[in-house]
Amino acid sequence: AKSSAHITGLAIDFDVVGLNQDEAMKLIKPKLAEYQMAAENNTIANGRTWVHLQNRQMKSGQPWRIFDL
């Protein structure tokens, strides 16, 4: 996408060796505000296996949070 935060280096998708996506997000979620990051609401249940983090502010008015696609 032309407006993707990945293009400007403000987002990354990754896997955590030894943890599934849900386990990794359980550790990351409490730190989002502290590190001024946002994360996609990826879960094993919705078929996504990666963690997506970004530090570009969200359009919703809640700049650092978990968001849905």
PDB file of N, CA and C in Angstrom:
ATOM      1  N   ALA A   1       0.837  -1.191   0.000  1.00  0.00           N
ATOM      2  CA  ALA A   1       0.000   0.000   0.000  1.00  0.00           C
ATOM      3  C   ALA A   1       0.874   1.245   0.000  1.00  0.00           C
ATOM      4  N   LYS A   2       0.460   2.230  -0.731  1.00  0.00           N
ATOM      5  CA  LYS A   2       1.256   3.456  -0.853  1.00  0.00           C
ATOM      6  C   LYS A   2       1.439   4.191   0.470  1.00  0.00           C
ATOM      7  N   SER A   3       0.492   4.045   1.383  1.00  0.00           N
ATOM      8  CA  SER A   3       0.588   4.758   2.661  1.00  0.00           C
ATOM      9  C   SER A   3       1.059   3.862   3.807  1.00  0.00           C
ATOM     10  N   SER A   4       1.586   2.686   3.492  1.00  0.00           N
ATOM     11  CA  SER A   4       2.029   1.743   4.517  1.00  0.00           C
ATOM     12  C   SER A   4       3.175   2.314   5.348  1.00  0.00           C
ATOM     13  N   ALA A   5       3.100   2.111   6.640  1.00  0.00           N
ATOM     14  CA  ALA A   5       4.188   2.530   7.531  1.00  0.00           C
ATOM     15  C   ALA A   5       5.455   1.721   7.274  1.00  0.00           C
ATOM     16  N   HIS A   6       5.328   0.566   6.637  1.00  0.00           N
ATOM     17  CA  HIS A   6       6.495  -0.251   6.298  1.00  0.00           C
ATOM     18  C   HIS A   6       7.405   0.476   5.308  1.00  0.00           C
ATOM     19  N   ILE A   7       6.822   1.211   4.385  1.00  0.00           N
ATOM     20  CA  ILE A   7       7.593   1.894   3.338  1.00  0.00           C
ATOM     21  C   ILE A   7       8.556   2.909   3.927  1.00  0.00           C
ATOM     22  N   THR A   8       8.142   3.589   4.971  1.00  0.00           N
ATOM     23  CA  THR A   8       8.983   4.631   5.577  1.00  0.00           C
ATOM     24  C   THR A   8       9.779   4.125   6.776  1.00  0.00           C
ATOM     25  N   GLY A   9       9.757   2.818   7.006  1.00  0.00           N
ATOM     26  CA  GLY A   9      10.528   2.252   8.108  1.00  0.00           C
ATOM     27  C   GLY A   9       9.895   2.430   9.473  1.00  0.00           C
ATOM     28  N   LEU A  10       8.609   2.742   9.506  1.00  0.00           N
ATOM     29  CA  LEU A  10       7.926   2.960  10.776  1.00  0.00           C
ATOM     30  C   LEU A  10       7.116   1.757  11.230  1.00  0.00           C
ATOM     31  N   ALA A  11       7.234   0.621  10.507  1.00  0.00           N
ATOM     32  CA  ALA A  11       6.514  -0.592  10.894  1.00  0.00           C
ATOM     33  C   ALA A  11       7.334  -1.815  10.515  1.00  0.00           C
ATOM     34  N   ILE A  12       7.066  -2.888  11.255  1.00  0.00           N
ATOM     35  CA  ILE A  12       7.752  -4.156  11.003  1.00  0.00           C
ATOM     36  C   ILE A  12       6.815  -5.312  11.343  1.00  0.00           C
ATOM     37  N   ASP A  13       6.902  -6.380  10.558  1.00  0.00           N
ATOM     38  CA  ASP A  13       6.221  -7.635  10.859  1.00  0.00           C
ATOM     39  C   ASP A  13       7.297  -8.658  11.194  1.00  0.00           C
ATOM     40  N   PHE A  14       7.079  -9.452  12.235  1.00  0.00           N
ATOM     41  CA  PHE A  14       8.104 -10.414  12.624  1.00  0.00           C
ATOM     42  C   PHE A  14       7.489 -11.581  13.376  1.00  0.00           C
ATOM     43  N   ASP A  15       8.238 -12.652  13.471  1.00  0.00           N
ATOM     44  CA  ASP A  15       7.892 -13.820  14.272  1.00  0.00           C
ATOM     45  C   ASP A  15       8.870 -13.881  15.439  1.00  0.00           C
ATOM     46  N   VAL A  16       8.433 -14.467  16.536  1.00  0.00           N
ATOM     47  CA  VAL A  16       9.288 -14.637  17.705  1.00  0.00           C
ATOM     48  C   VAL A  16       9.576 -16.130  17.852  1.00  0.00           C
ATOM     49  N   VAL A  17      10.830 -16.485  17.732  1.00  0.00           N
ATOM     50  CA  VAL A  17      11.219 -17.891  17.851  1.00  0.00           C
ATOM     51  C   VAL A  17      10.875 -18.382  19.258  1.00  0.00           C
ATOM     52  N   GLY A  18      10.171 -19.491  19.323  1.00  0.00           N
ATOM     53  CA  GLY A  18       9.824 -20.095  20.603  1.00  0.00           C
ATOM     54  C   GLY A  18       8.498 -19.631  21.187  1.00  0.00           C
ATOM     55  N   LEU A  19       7.846 -18.630  20.553  1.00  0.00           N
ATOM     56  CA  LEU A  19       6.540 -18.158  21.019  1.00  0.00           C
ATOM     57  C   LEU A  19       5.593 -18.091  19.838  1.00  0.00           C
ATOM     58  N   ASN A  20       4.316 -18.368  20.070  1.00  0.00           N
ATOM     59  CA  ASN A  20       3.354 -18.095  19.009  1.00  0.00           C
ATOM     60  C   ASN A  20       2.953 -16.621  19.101  1.00  0.00           C
ATOM     61  N   GLN A  21       2.162 -16.171  18.145  1.00  0.00           N
ATOM     62  CA  GLN A  21       1.805 -14.757  18.072  1.00  0.00           C
ATOM     63  C   GLN A  21       1.082 -14.294  19.332  1.00  0.00           C
ATOM     64  N   ASP A  22       0.155 -15.089  19.825  1.00  0.00           N
ATOM     65  CA  ASP A  22      -0.599 -14.695  21.017  1.00  0.00           C
ATOM     66  C   ASP A  22       0.308 -14.559  22.243  1.00  0.00           C
ATOM     67  N   GLU A  23       1.246 -15.470  22.389  1.00  0.00           N
ATOM     68  CA  GLU A  23       2.184 -15.414  23.525  1.00  0.00           C
ATOM     69  C   GLU A  23       3.072 -14.179  23.422  1.00  0.00           C
ATOM     70  N   ALA A  24       3.547 -13.882  22.229  1.00  0.00           N
ATOM     71  CA  ALA A  24       4.395 -12.703  22.031  1.00  0.00           C
ATOM     72  C   ALA A  24       3.625 -11.420  22.342  1.00  0.00           C
ATOM     73  N   MET A  25       2.384 -11.325  21.858  1.00  0.00           N
ATOM     74  CA  MET A  25       1.601 -10.116  22.102  1.00  0.00           C
ATOM     75  C   MET A  25       1.251  -9.943  23.572  1.00  0.00           C
ATOM     76  N   LYS A  26       1.113 -11.017  24.299  1.00  0.00           N
ATOM     77  CA  LYS A  26       0.844 -10.921  25.739  1.00  0.00           C
ATOM     78  C   LYS A  26       1.998 -10.185  26.435  1.00  0.00           C
ATOM     79  N   LEU A  27       3.213 -10.390  25.951  1.00  0.00           N
ATOM     80  CA  LEU A  27       4.385  -9.718  26.528  1.00  0.00           C
ATOM     81  C   LEU A  27       4.535  -8.285  26.014  1.00  0.00           C
ATOM     82  N   ILE A  28       4.180  -8.051  24.769  1.00  0.00           N
ATOM     83  CA  ILE A  28       4.373  -6.747  24.130  1.00  0.00           C
ATOM     84  C   ILE A  28       3.290  -5.740  24.515  1.00  0.00           C
ATOM     85  N   LYS A  29       2.052  -6.181  24.588  1.00  0.00           N
ATOM     86  CA  LYS A  29       0.903  -5.290  24.783  1.00  0.00           C
ATOM     87  C   LYS A  29       1.048  -4.309  25.954  1.00  0.00           C
ATOM     88  N   PRO A  30       1.516  -4.731  27.123  1.00  0.00           N
ATOM     89  CA  PRO A  30       1.630  -3.782  28.236  1.00  0.00           C
ATOM     90  C   PRO A  30       2.661  -2.668  28.001  1.00  0.00           C
ATOM     91  N   LYS A  31       3.531  -2.828  27.024  1.00  0.00           N
ATOM     92  CA  LYS A  31       4.594  -1.855  26.775  1.00  0.00           C
ATOM     93  C   LYS A  31       4.296  -0.901  25.618  1.00  0.00           C
ATOM     94  N   LEU A  32       3.163  -1.069  24.923  1.00  0.00           N
ATOM     95  CA  LEU A  32       2.883  -0.250  23.743  1.00  0.00           C
ATOM     96  C   LEU A  32       2.905   1.244  24.041  1.00  0.00           C
ATOM     97  N   ALA A  33       2.199   1.690  25.059  1.00  0.00           N
ATOM     98  CA  ALA A  33       2.157   3.123  25.371  1.00  0.00           C
ATOM     99  C   ALA A  33       3.534   3.640  25.787  1.00  0.00           C
ATOM    100  N   GLU A  34       4.222   2.876  26.606  1.00  0.00           N
ATOM    101  CA  GLU A  34       5.550   3.292  27.077  1.00  0.00           C
ATOM    102  C   GLU A  34       6.506   3.524  25.910  1.00  0.00           C
ATOM    103  N   TYR A  35       6.463   2.646  24.923  1.00  0.00           N
ATOM    104  CA  TYR A  35       7.363   2.752  23.772  1.00  0.00           C
ATOM    105  C   TYR A  35       6.729   3.470  22.592  1.00  0.00           C
ATOM    106  N   GLN A  36       5.524   4.011  22.783  1.00  0.00           N
ATOM    107  CA  GLN A  36       4.790   4.746  21.760  1.00  0.00           C
ATOM    108  C   GLN A  36       4.668   3.940  20.467  1.00  0.00           C
ATOM    109  N   MET A  37       4.168   2.717  20.630  1.00  0.00           N
ATOM    110  CA  MET A  37       3.990   1.804  19.509  1.00  0.00           C
ATOM    111  C   MET A  37       2.519   1.433  19.374  1.00  0.00           C
ATOM    112  N   ALA A  38       2.145   1.025  18.178  1.00  0.00           N
ATOM    113  CA  ALA A  38       0.826   0.451  17.924  1.00  0.00           C
ATOM    114  C   ALA A  38       1.047  -0.949  17.382  1.00  0.00           C
ATOM    115  N   ALA A  39       0.076  -1.823  17.557  1.00  0.00           N
ATOM    116  CA  ALA A  39       0.188  -3.205  17.094  1.00  0.00           C
ATOM    117  C   ALA A  39      -1.118  -3.641  16.457  1.00  0.00           C
ATOM    118  N   GLU A  40      -1.023  -4.423  15.381  1.00  0.00           N
ATOM    119  CA  GLU A  40      -2.223  -4.999  14.783  1.00  0.00           C
ATOM    120  C   GLU A  40      -2.823  -6.025  15.723  1.00  0.00           C
ATOM    121  N   ASN A  41      -4.126  -6.161  15.649  1.00  0.00           N
ATOM    122  CA  ASN A  41      -4.838  -7.140  16.450  1.00  0.00           C
ATOM    123  C   ASN A  41      -4.745  -8.506  15.771  1.00  0.00           C
ATOM    124  N   ASN A  42      -3.547  -9.001  15.609  1.00  0.00           N
ATOM    125  CA  ASN A  42      -3.320 -10.326  15.013  1.00  0.00           C
ATOM    126  C   ASN A  42      -3.465 -11.374  16.094  1.00  0.00           C
ATOM    127  N   THR A  43      -4.149 -12.447  15.758  1.00  0.00           N
ATOM    128  CA  THR A  43      -4.272 -13.566  16.693  1.00  0.00           C
ATOM    129  C   THR A  43      -4.213 -14.865  15.908  1.00  0.00           C
ATOM    130  N   ILE A  44      -3.910 -15.917  16.607  1.00  0.00           N
ATOM    131  CA  ILE A  44      -3.930 -17.239  15.989  1.00  0.00           C
ATOM    132  C   ILE A  44      -5.342 -17.525  15.464  1.00  0.00           C
ATOM    133  N   ALA A  45      -6.357 -17.087  16.217  1.00  0.00           N
ATOM    134  CA  ALA A  45      -7.742 -17.351  15.837  1.00  0.00           C
ATOM    135  C   ALA A  45      -8.115 -16.724  14.496  1.00  0.00           C
ATOM    136  N   ASN A  46      -7.528 -15.558  14.161  1.00  0.00           N
ATOM    137  CA  ASN A  46      -7.874 -14.951  12.875  1.00  0.00           C
ATOM    138  C   ASN A  46      -6.878 -15.329  11.778  1.00  0.00           C
ATOM    139  N   GLY A  47      -6.036 -16.309  12.064  1.00  0.00           N
ATOM    140  CA  GLY A  47      -5.155 -16.871  11.047  1.00  0.00           C
ATOM    141  C   GLY A  47      -3.852 -16.140  10.820  1.00  0.00           C
ATOM    142  N   ARG A  48      -3.583 -15.144  11.600  1.00  0.00           N
ATOM    143  CA  ARG A  48      -2.341 -14.393  11.432  1.00  0.00           C
ATOM    144  C   ARG A  48      -1.299 -14.947  12.400  1.00  0.00           C
ATOM    145  N   THR A  49      -0.107 -15.099  11.925  1.00  0.00           N
ATOM    146  CA  THR A  49       0.934 -15.720  12.748  1.00  0.00           C
ATOM    147  C   THR A  49       2.094 -14.780  13.045  1.00  0.00           C
ATOM    148  N   TRP A  50       2.020 -13.547  12.605  1.00  0.00           N
ATOM    149  CA  TRP A  50       3.121 -12.615  12.799  1.00  0.00           C
ATOM    150  C   TRP A  50       2.714 -11.508  13.777  1.00  0.00           C
ATOM    151  N   VAL A  51       3.704 -10.801  14.288  1.00  0.00           N
ATOM    152  CA  VAL A  51       3.499  -9.620  15.123  1.00  0.00           C
ATOM    153  C   VAL A  51       3.757  -8.411  14.229  1.00  0.00           C
ATOM    154  N   HIS A  52       2.875  -7.442  14.250  1.00  0.00           N
ATOM    155  CA  HIS A  52       3.053  -6.188  13.509  1.00  0.00           C
ATOM    156  C   HIS A  52       3.132  -5.069  14.529  1.00  0.00           C
ATOM    157  N   LEU A  53       4.230  -4.326  14.501  1.00  0.00           N
ATOM    158  CA  LEU A  53       4.390  -3.149  15.353  1.00  0.00           C
ATOM    159  C   LEU A  53       4.677  -1.948  14.472  1.00  0.00           C
ATOM    160  N   GLN A  54       4.188  -0.787  14.908  1.00  0.00           N
ATOM    161  CA  GLN A  54       4.512   0.448  14.191  1.00  0.00           C
ATOM    162  C   GLN A  54       4.594   1.598  15.167  1.00  0.00           C
ATOM    163  N   ASN A  55       5.337   2.632  14.798  1.00  0.00           N
ATOM    164  CA  ASN A  55       5.387   3.808  15.659  1.00  0.00           C
ATOM    165  C   ASN A  55       4.851   5.042  14.952  1.00  0.00           C
ATOM    166  N   ARG A  56       4.073   4.834  13.905  1.00  0.00           N
ATOM    167  CA  ARG A  56       3.344   5.932  13.270  1.00  0.00           C
ATOM    168  C   ARG A  56       2.022   6.085  14.005  1.00  0.00           C
ATOM    169  N   GLN A  57       1.650   7.311  14.324  1.00  0.00           N
ATOM    170  CA  GLN A  57       0.411   7.533  15.057  1.00  0.00           C
ATOM    171  C   GLN A  57      -0.793   7.077  14.242  1.00  0.00           C
ATOM    172  N   MET A  58      -1.800   6.603  14.945  1.00  0.00           N
ATOM    173  CA  MET A  58      -3.028   6.123  14.337  1.00  0.00           C
ATOM    174  C   MET A  58      -3.955   7.303  14.042  1.00  0.00           C
ATOM    175  N   LYS A  59      -4.813   7.146  13.056  1.00  0.00           N
ATOM    176  CA  LYS A  59      -5.767   8.188  12.681  1.00  0.00           C
ATOM    177  C   LYS A  59      -6.942   8.273  13.645  1.00  0.00           C
ATOM    178  N   SER A  60      -7.121   7.280  14.487  1.00  0.00           N
ATOM    179  CA  SER A  60      -8.317   7.154  15.325  1.00  0.00           C
ATOM    180  C   SER A  60      -8.369   8.110  16.508  1.00  0.00           C
ATOM    181  N   GLY A  61      -7.291   8.783  16.818  1.00  0.00           N
ATOM    182  CA  GLY A  61      -7.264   9.607  18.013  1.00  0.00           C
ATOM    183  C   GLY A  61      -6.703   8.865  19.213  1.00  0.00           C
ATOM    184  N   GLN A  62      -6.522   7.564  19.097  1.00  0.00           N
ATOM    185  CA  GLN A  62      -5.867   6.770  20.136  1.00  0.00           C
ATOM    186  C   GLN A  62      -4.516   6.368  19.558  1.00  0.00           C
ATOM    187  N   PRO A  63      -3.512   7.190  19.720  1.00  0.00           N
ATOM    188  CA  PRO A  63      -2.285   6.985  18.959  1.00  0.00           C
ATOM    189  C   PRO A  63      -1.516   5.703  19.250  1.00  0.00           C
ATOM    190  N   TRP A  64      -1.533   5.181  20.457  1.00  0.00           N
ATOM    191  CA  TRP A  64      -0.685   4.006  20.745  1.00  0.00           C
ATOM    192  C   TRP A  64      -1.559   2.901  21.317  1.00  0.00           C
ATOM    193  N   ARG A  65      -1.923   1.951  20.460  1.00  0.00           N
ATOM    194  CA  ARG A  65      -2.895   0.954  20.889  1.00  0.00           C
ATOM    195  C   ARG A  65      -2.851  -0.266  19.970  1.00  0.00           C
ATOM    196  N   ILE A  66      -3.703  -1.225  20.272  1.00  0.00           N
ATOM    197  CA  ILE A  66      -3.948  -2.368  19.407  1.00  0.00           C
ATOM    198  C   ILE A  66      -5.016  -1.954  18.404  1.00  0.00           C
ATOM    199  N   PHE A  67      -4.817  -2.235  17.124  1.00  0.00           N
ATOM    200  CA  PHE A  67      -5.796  -1.836  16.131  1.00  0.00           C
ATOM    201  C   PHE A  67      -6.166  -2.990  15.220  1.00  0.00           C
ATOM    202  N   ASP A  68      -7.350  -2.885  14.633  1.00  0.00           N
ATOM    203  CA  ASP A  68      -7.836  -3.861  13.667  1.00  0.00           C
ATOM    204  C   ASP A  68      -7.562  -3.343  12.257  1.00  0.00           C
ATOM    205  N   LEU A  69      -7.382  -4.266  11.325  1.00  0.00           N
ATOM    206  CA  LEU A  69      -7.177  -3.870   9.935  1.00  0.00           C
ATOM    207  C   LEU A  69      -8.469  -3.353   9.336  1.00  0.00           C
TER     208      LEU A  69
END
